[in-house]
Protein backbone atom coordinates (compact mmCIF):
# COMPACT_ATOMS: atom_id res chain seq x y z
CA UNK A 1 10.94 13.96 -29.74
CA UNK A 2 8.07 15.48 -27.80
CA UNK A 3 8.92 18.24 -25.35
CA UNK A 4 7.94 17.17 -21.84
CA UNK A 5 7.18 19.73 -19.14
CA UNK A 6 7.31 18.35 -15.59
CA UNK A 7 6.00 20.03 -12.47
CA UNK A 8 6.85 18.59 -9.05
CA UNK A 9 4.11 19.20 -6.49
CA UNK A 10 4.76 18.37 -2.84
CA UNK A 11 1.73 16.54 -1.47
CA UNK A 12 0.61 14.64 1.64
CA UNK A 13 1.89 14.78 5.21
CA UNK A 14 4.94 12.82 4.04
CA UNK A 15 6.05 15.51 1.57
CA UNK A 16 5.66 13.20 -1.38
CA UNK A 17 6.79 14.32 -4.82
CA UNK A 18 3.83 14.16 -7.20
CA UNK A 19 4.83 14.83 -10.80
CA UNK A 20 2.41 16.34 -13.31
CA UNK A 21 3.82 15.81 -16.78
CA UNK A 22 2.63 17.51 -19.96
CA UNK A 23 3.50 16.74 -23.57
CA UNK A 24 3.78 20.31 -24.83
CA UNK A 25 3.13 19.24 -28.42
CA UNK A 26 -0.24 17.62 -27.70
CA UNK A 27 -1.19 19.18 -24.33
CA UNK A 28 -1.88 15.68 -23.04
CA UNK A 29 -0.25 14.50 -19.85
CA UNK A 30 -0.01 12.11 -16.95
CA UNK A 31 0.46 12.16 -13.19
CA UNK A 32 3.04 10.22 -11.21
CA UNK A 33 2.09 9.24 -7.63
CA UNK A 34 -0.75 11.60 -6.66
CA UNK A 35 -0.40 10.99 -2.93
CA UNK A 36 -2.90 13.59 -1.73
CA UNK A 37 -3.93 17.23 -2.24
CA UNK A 38 -6.47 16.72 -5.01
CA UNK A 39 -7.18 20.46 -5.16
CA UNK A 40 -3.51 21.42 -5.56
CA UNK A 41 -3.09 18.91 -8.37
CA UNK A 42 -6.25 19.90 -10.23
CA UNK A 43 -5.48 23.60 -9.90
CA UNK A 44 -2.15 23.05 -11.62
CA UNK A 45 -3.73 20.90 -14.33
CA UNK A 46 -6.32 23.60 -14.98
CA UNK A 47 -3.64 26.29 -15.15
CA UNK A 48 -1.85 24.29 -17.83
CA UNK A 49 -5.04 23.72 -19.84
CA UNK A 50 -3.92 20.15 -20.37
CA UNK A 51 -5.76 16.87 -20.79
CA UNK A 52 -4.69 14.28 -18.24
CA UNK A 53 -4.93 10.76 -19.63
CA UNK A 54 -3.21 8.59 -17.03
CA UNK A 55 -1.83 8.08 -13.55
CA UNK A 56 1.27 5.94 -13.10
CA UNK A 57 2.03 4.54 -9.65
CA UNK A 58 5.47 3.53 -8.44
CA UNK A 59 4.01 1.64 -5.47
CA UNK A 60 0.92 1.37 -3.33
CA UNK A 61 1.67 3.24 -0.10
CA UNK A 62 -0.94 5.70 1.15
CA UNK A 63 1.19 8.79 0.50
CA UNK A 64 1.45 7.91 -3.19
CA UNK A 65 -2.15 6.87 -3.92
CA UNK A 66 -4.26 9.22 -1.78
CA UNK A 67 -5.75 11.32 -4.59
CA UNK A 68 -6.11 8.55 -7.18
CA UNK A 69 -9.84 7.94 -6.84
CA UNK A 70 -10.80 11.63 -6.85
CA UNK A 71 -8.64 12.27 -9.91
CA UNK A 72 -10.07 9.24 -11.65
CA UNK A 73 -13.57 10.53 -10.93
CA UNK A 74 -12.70 14.02 -12.15
CA UNK A 75 -10.87 13.02 -15.33
CA UNK A 76 -11.23 10.25 -17.88
CA UNK A 77 -7.91 8.56 -17.22
CA UNK A 78 -6.23 5.17 -16.86
CA UNK A 79 -4.34 4.10 -13.74
CA UNK A 80 -1.19 1.99 -14.21
CA UNK A 81 0.74 0.03 -11.58
CA UNK A 82 3.12 -2.89 -11.26
CA UNK A 83 1.47 -6.30 -11.45
CA UNK A 84 3.66 -7.39 -8.53
CA UNK A 85 2.24 -4.56 -6.40
CA UNK A 86 -1.39 -5.69 -6.61
CA UNK A 87 -1.41 -7.23 -3.13
CA UNK A 88 0.05 -4.08 -1.57
CA UNK A 89 -2.29 -1.63 -3.28
CA UNK A 90 -5.39 -3.65 -2.40
CA UNK A 91 -4.48 -4.42 1.23
CA UNK A 92 -5.02 -1.72 3.87
CA UNK A 93 -2.25 -3.10 6.07
CA UNK A 94 0.33 -3.32 3.31
CA UNK A 95 -0.59 0.05 1.80
CA UNK A 96 -0.33 1.54 5.31
CA UNK A 97 -3.72 3.27 5.19
CA UNK A 98 -4.84 1.32 8.25
CA UNK A 99 -2.04 3.01 10.22
CA UNK A 100 -2.50 6.53 8.87
CA UNK A 101 -6.09 7.78 8.94
CA UNK A 102 -9.00 6.12 7.16
CA UNK A 103 -8.21 2.73 5.54
CA UNK A 104 -8.75 2.64 1.76
CA UNK A 105 -7.55 0.90 -1.37
CA UNK A 106 -7.41 1.84 -5.04
CA UNK A 107 -7.89 -0.32 -8.12
CA UNK A 108 -5.51 0.23 -11.06
CA UNK A 109 -6.91 -0.30 -14.54
CA UNK A 110 -3.72 -1.77 -15.99
CA UNK A 111 -1.10 -3.91 -14.26
CA UNK A 112 2.31 -3.85 -15.92
CA UNK A 113 4.97 -6.55 -16.13
CA UNK A 114 8.67 -5.99 -15.57
CA UNK A 115 10.24 -4.39 -18.62
CA UNK A 116 6.92 -3.65 -20.29
CA UNK A 117 7.03 -0.73 -22.71
CA UNK A 118 4.09 1.65 -22.83
CA UNK A 119 3.29 4.97 -24.45
CA UNK A 120 1.28 7.52 -22.48
CA UNK A 121 0.37 10.94 -23.86
CA UNK A 122 2.84 10.33 -26.67
CA UNK A 123 5.69 9.64 -24.23
CA UNK A 124 7.52 6.31 -24.37
CA UNK A 125 8.43 4.66 -21.07
CA UNK A 126 9.51 1.32 -19.64
CA UNK A 127 8.34 -0.10 -16.33
CA UNK A 128 11.26 -1.45 -14.30
CA UNK A 129 10.36 -3.73 -11.39
CA UNK A 130 12.43 -2.76 -8.33
CA UNK A 131 11.24 -4.70 -5.27
CA UNK A 132 12.58 -3.79 -1.85
CA UNK A 133 10.63 -0.81 -0.54
CA UNK A 134 7.53 -2.88 -1.22
CA UNK A 135 7.08 -6.25 -2.90
CA UNK A 136 6.15 -4.74 -6.24
CA UNK A 137 7.75 -1.30 -6.24
CA UNK A 138 8.68 -0.10 -9.69
CA UNK A 139 10.29 2.77 -11.57
CA UNK A 140 9.47 4.29 -14.95
CA UNK A 141 12.30 5.00 -17.38
CA UNK A 142 11.74 7.45 -20.22
CA UNK A 143 14.61 6.61 -22.63
CA UNK A 144 13.95 9.41 -25.09
CA UNK A 145 14.05 12.00 -22.32
CA UNK A 146 16.75 10.49 -20.10
CA UNK A 147 14.46 10.47 -17.07
CA UNK A 148 13.67 7.97 -14.33
CA UNK A 149 10.74 8.23 -11.94
CA UNK A 150 12.21 6.21 -9.08
CA UNK A 151 9.42 6.32 -6.50
CA UNK A 152 10.68 5.28 -3.08
CA UNK A 153 13.39 2.97 -4.43
CA UNK A 154 16.19 5.45 -5.10
CA UNK A 155 16.62 8.87 -3.49
CA UNK A 156 19.42 11.40 -3.66
CA UNK A 157 22.28 9.77 -1.72
CA UNK A 158 19.78 7.42 -0.11
CA UNK A 159 17.15 4.77 -0.74
CA UNK A 160 13.68 3.86 0.47
CA UNK A 161 12.75 2.41 3.83
CA UNK A 162 12.46 -1.35 4.07
CA UNK A 163 10.87 -1.74 7.51
CA UNK A 164 7.27 -1.71 6.24
CA UNK A 165 5.33 -4.87 5.28
CA UNK A 166 6.90 -6.45 2.20
CA UNK A 167 10.14 -4.50 2.51
CA UNK A 168 13.60 -6.01 2.12
CA UNK A 169 16.94 -4.24 2.42
CA UNK A 170 18.79 -6.86 0.40
CA UNK A 171 16.17 -6.66 -2.34
CA UNK A 172 16.19 -2.89 -2.64
CA UNK A 173 20.00 -2.81 -2.86
CA UNK A 174 19.91 -5.51 -5.52
CA UNK A 175 17.21 -3.63 -7.42
CA UNK A 176 19.24 -0.43 -7.40
CA UNK A 177 22.47 -2.13 -8.45
CA UNK A 178 21.09 -4.43 -11.15
CA UNK A 179 18.16 -2.43 -12.52
CA UNK A 180 18.88 1.28 -12.03
CA UNK A 181 22.62 1.87 -11.91
CA UNK A 182 22.93 0.16 -15.31
CA UNK A 183 21.04 3.05 -16.90
CA UNK A 184 23.03 5.81 -18.65
CA UNK A 185 25.06 7.96 -16.24
CA UNK A 186 23.34 11.14 -17.37
CA UNK A 187 19.86 9.81 -16.50
CA UNK A 188 18.02 12.29 -14.27
CA UNK A 189 16.36 10.59 -11.31
CA UNK A 190 13.07 12.07 -10.10
CA UNK A 191 12.37 10.40 -6.74
CA UNK A 192 9.28 10.07 -4.57
CA UNK A 193 10.75 12.33 -1.89
CA UNK A 194 13.47 14.97 -1.69
CA UNK A 195 15.54 16.38 -4.54
CA UNK A 196 16.39 14.99 -7.95
CA UNK A 197 19.73 13.35 -8.67
CA UNK A 198 21.60 11.53 -11.46
CA UNK A 199 22.56 7.91 -11.92
CA UNK A 200 26.24 8.87 -12.21
CA UNK A 201 26.14 10.50 -8.76
CA UNK A 202 24.33 7.57 -7.14
CA UNK A 203 26.85 5.02 -8.41
CA UNK A 204 29.35 6.38 -5.90
CA UNK A 205 27.29 4.97 -3.04
CA UNK A 206 27.21 1.40 -4.38
CA UNK A 207 30.83 0.60 -5.21
């Protein structure tokens, strides 16, 4: 199994967790939710002397997509997102950019279906569709590493807001219960904001 080094960078005015992940065997890597701070992200990438091959997005809100286009221009990479999130990512009202600064959209290269398995930089992962925070929010589960990038679906002792366009409290609770809490207890959850947690700990809030 490839050794995966993960660096959490706090970006954007919303203190979003952007994860820069490097396969230490190949020095290839990927970025999860580059919400802003292009310079901070590229400085870290350069310090690691790694080749970035992809961006994976958990959803389309402004604080998770802000640096996508600049990174795509700087590096030869592929942008992945949930197929169900296409309307959110490409709509300036739904992606909230029309409310926070200059409206913009991004265009993913690959749209993934629920449960689709992909390999990026030699790392196997499954996209899990978890609607609720947005219509097409998703998480990425890395079974060989026991990791879950949960975006704004599941936080430590909390969950994502549902009062934005496309949000649904009943949906996000259902997503957490039926899609995430069924993962192994020891799974480490790396959320879009705040500290990491484990599935075992989060189960206590959804009895």
